[in-house]
Amino acid sequence: MRTAPTPERLRTNARGVPYFIWDVEVTWDEFVRLLHDPDPDTADYWLARGLRDAKPDDIVELVDFGRIAEAWPRIAHRLGRRREFWRWWLQQAGHAVDP
């Protein structure tokens, strides 16, 4: 699958905060670490945050569809307007997820 992630020089502000995070000071590297945090609640929170607010291509560069599908029952309710998009994309990638 082809993706077009945001160029590295454009994905953060001068302080290293990702373009889609506006309410906390979390750098790109911290965001990536939090996506893979051993605590599932923490990892799910940041995954949902990325799925809801970031450009989709940027997220699929960091986590695979299997990880998103596995977390789906726990995070779908947090995705707002993006929920149907992600459900569709997961289905296109071969993952059956409940609405």
C-alpha atoms as a PDB file:
ATOM      1  CA  MET A   1       0.000   0.000   0.000  1.00  0.00           C
ATOM      2  CA  ARG A   2       1.358   3.394  -0.928  1.00  0.00           C
ATOM      3  CA  THR A   3       1.308   6.197   1.585  1.00  0.00           C
ATOM      4  CA  ALA A   4       2.353   9.822   1.501  1.00  0.00           C
ATOM      5  CA  PRO A   5       3.500  10.716   5.019  1.00  0.00           C
ATOM      6  CA  THR A   6       4.180  14.286   6.013  1.00  0.00           C
ATOM      7  CA  PRO A   7       7.829  15.202   5.394  1.00  0.00           C
ATOM      8  CA  GLU A   8       9.853  15.108   8.600  1.00  0.00           C
ATOM      9  CA  ARG A   9      10.608  18.838   8.484  1.00  0.00           C
ATOM     10  CA  LEU A  10       6.847  19.613   8.451  1.00  0.00           C
ATOM     11  CA  ARG A  11       5.506  17.143  10.989  1.00  0.00           C
ATOM     12  CA  THR A  12       6.486  19.123  14.104  1.00  0.00           C
ATOM     13  CA  ASN A  13       6.679  22.694  15.282  1.00  0.00           C
ATOM     14  CA  ALA A  14       9.887  24.371  16.465  1.00  0.00           C
ATOM     15  CA  ARG A  15       9.579  22.619  19.858  1.00  0.00           C
ATOM     16  CA  GLY A  16       9.225  19.180  18.248  1.00  0.00           C
ATOM     17  CA  VAL A  17       5.491  18.878  18.966  1.00  0.00           C
ATOM     18  CA  PRO A  18       3.556  17.039  16.224  1.00  0.00           C
ATOM     19  CA  TYR A  19       1.273  19.211  14.082  1.00  0.00           C
ATOM     20  CA  PHE A  20      -1.833  17.380  15.344  1.00  0.00           C
ATOM     21  CA  ILE A  21      -1.184  17.810  19.072  1.00  0.00           C
ATOM     22  CA  TRP A  22      -2.087  21.232  20.392  1.00  0.00           C
ATOM     23  CA  ASP A  23      -2.982  20.797  24.051  1.00  0.00           C
ATOM     24  CA  VAL A  24       0.066  19.079  25.578  1.00  0.00           C
ATOM     25  CA  GLU A  25       3.817  19.335  25.097  1.00  0.00           C
ATOM     26  CA  VAL A  26       4.598  15.913  23.634  1.00  0.00           C
ATOM     27  CA  THR A  27       7.414  15.667  21.123  1.00  0.00           C
ATOM     28  CA  TRP A  28       7.238  13.444  18.050  1.00  0.00           C
ATOM     29  CA  ASP A  29       9.614  10.933  19.663  1.00  0.00           C
ATOM     30  CA  GLU A  30       7.519  10.875  22.845  1.00  0.00           C
ATOM     31  CA  PHE A  31       4.360  10.360  20.785  1.00  0.00           C
ATOM     32  CA  VAL A  32       5.938   7.381  19.001  1.00  0.00           C
ATOM     33  CA  ARG A  33       7.042   5.918  22.340  1.00  0.00           C
ATOM     34  CA  LEU A  34       3.551   6.420  23.807  1.00  0.00           C
ATOM     35  CA  LEU A  35       1.978   4.613  20.830  1.00  0.00           C
ATOM     36  CA  HIS A  36       3.989   1.560  21.874  1.00  0.00           C
ATOM     37  CA  ASP A  37       3.741   2.004  25.644  1.00  0.00           C
ATOM     38  CA  PRO A  38       3.559  -1.295  27.568  1.00  0.00           C
ATOM     39  CA  ASP A  39       0.471  -0.004  29.393  1.00  0.00           C
ATOM     40  CA  PRO A  40      -2.405  -0.777  26.996  1.00  0.00           C
ATOM     41  CA  ASP A  41      -4.535   2.118  28.249  1.00  0.00           C
ATOM     42  CA  THR A  42      -1.751   4.584  27.496  1.00  0.00           C
ATOM     43  CA  ALA A  43      -0.984   3.077  24.099  1.00  0.00           C
ATOM     44  CA  ASP A  44      -4.691   3.008  23.187  1.00  0.00           C
ATOM     45  CA  TYR A  45      -5.195   6.634  24.209  1.00  0.00           C
ATOM     46  CA  TRP A  46      -2.359   7.851  21.993  1.00  0.00           C
ATOM     47  CA  LEU A  47      -3.326   5.557  19.129  1.00  0.00           C
ATOM     48  CA  ALA A  48      -6.878   6.914  19.168  1.00  0.00           C
ATOM     49  CA  ARG A  49      -5.503  10.425  19.371  1.00  0.00           C
ATOM     50  CA  GLY A  50      -3.356   9.865  16.308  1.00  0.00           C
ATOM     51  CA  LEU A  51      -6.134   8.164  14.343  1.00  0.00           C
ATOM     52  CA  ARG A  52      -8.536  10.998  15.148  1.00  0.00           C
ATOM     53  CA  ASP A  53      -6.253  13.986  14.618  1.00  0.00           C
ATOM     54  CA  ALA A  54      -3.279  13.098  12.410  1.00  0.00           C
ATOM     55  CA  LYS A  55      -3.035  12.559   8.695  1.00  0.00           C
ATOM     56  CA  PRO A  56      -3.800   8.844   8.177  1.00  0.00           C
ATOM     57  CA  ASP A  57      -0.595   8.235   6.237  1.00  0.00           C
ATOM     58  CA  ASP A  58       1.442   9.478   9.187  1.00  0.00           C
ATOM     59  CA  ILE A  59      -0.146   6.976  11.552  1.00  0.00           C
ATOM     60  CA  VAL A  60       0.182   3.933   9.310  1.00  0.00           C
ATOM     61  CA  GLU A  61       3.889   4.691   9.079  1.00  0.00           C
ATOM     62  CA  LEU A  62       4.062   4.180  12.863  1.00  0.00           C
ATOM     63  CA  VAL A  63       1.635   1.312  13.541  1.00  0.00           C
ATOM     64  CA  ASP A  64       0.311  -1.415  11.303  1.00  0.00           C
ATOM     65  CA  PHE A  65      -3.308  -2.189  10.536  1.00  0.00           C
ATOM     66  CA  GLY A  66      -3.142  -5.286  12.723  1.00  0.00           C
ATOM     67  CA  ARG A  67      -2.404  -3.147  15.769  1.00  0.00           C
ATOM     68  CA  ILE A  68      -5.256  -0.775  14.919  1.00  0.00           C
ATOM     69  CA  ALA A  69      -7.673  -3.678  14.362  1.00  0.00           C
ATOM     70  CA  GLU A  70      -6.630  -5.300  17.641  1.00  0.00           C
ATOM     71  CA  ALA A  71      -7.293  -2.079  19.541  1.00  0.00           C
ATOM     72  CA  TRP A  72     -10.491  -1.263  17.616  1.00  0.00           C
ATOM     73  CA  PRO A  73     -13.003  -2.491  20.246  1.00  0.00           C
ATOM     74  CA  ARG A  74     -11.320  -0.281  22.847  1.00  0.00           C
ATOM     75  CA  ILE A  75     -10.701   2.846  20.758  1.00  0.00           C
ATOM     76  CA  ALA A  76     -13.430   3.114  18.100  1.00  0.00           C
ATOM     77  CA  HIS A  77     -15.667   5.186  20.376  1.00  0.00           C
ATOM     78  CA  ARG A  78     -12.885   7.807  20.657  1.00  0.00           C
ATOM     79  CA  LEU A  79     -12.470   8.456  16.931  1.00  0.00           C
ATOM     80  CA  GLY A  80     -15.350  10.840  16.311  1.00  0.00           C
ATOM     81  CA  ARG A  81     -15.908  11.671  12.640  1.00  0.00           C
ATOM     82  CA  ARG A  82     -12.861   9.622  11.636  1.00  0.00           C
ATOM     83  CA  ARG A  83     -14.362   6.356  12.907  1.00  0.00           C
ATOM     84  CA  GLU A  84     -16.091   5.419   9.651  1.00  0.00           C
ATOM     85  CA  PHE A  85     -13.014   6.276   7.595  1.00  0.00           C
ATOM     86  CA  TRP A  86     -10.796   4.054   9.712  1.00  0.00           C
ATOM     87  CA  ARG A  87     -13.367   1.255   9.735  1.00  0.00           C
ATOM     88  CA  TRP A  88     -13.462   1.399   5.923  1.00  0.00           C
ATOM     89  CA  TRP A  89      -9.656   1.478   5.613  1.00  0.00           C
ATOM     90  CA  LEU A  90      -9.236  -1.438   8.015  1.00  0.00           C
ATOM     91  CA  GLN A  91     -11.754  -3.419   5.969  1.00  0.00           C
ATOM     92  CA  GLN A  92      -9.876  -2.554   2.779  1.00  0.00           C
ATOM     93  CA  ALA A  93      -6.722  -3.862   4.448  1.00  0.00           C
ATOM     94  CA  GLY A  94      -8.471  -7.166   5.211  1.00  0.00           C
ATOM     95  CA  HIS A  95      -9.437  -6.629   8.848  1.00  0.00           C
ATOM     96  CA  ALA A  96     -13.026  -7.285   9.862  1.00  0.00           C
ATOM     97  CA  VAL A  97     -14.042  -4.759  12.512  1.00  0.00           C
ATOM     98  CA  ASP A  98     -17.417  -4.084  14.056  1.00  0.00           C
ATOM     99  CA  PRO A  99     -19.096  -0.771  13.374  1.00  0.00           C
END
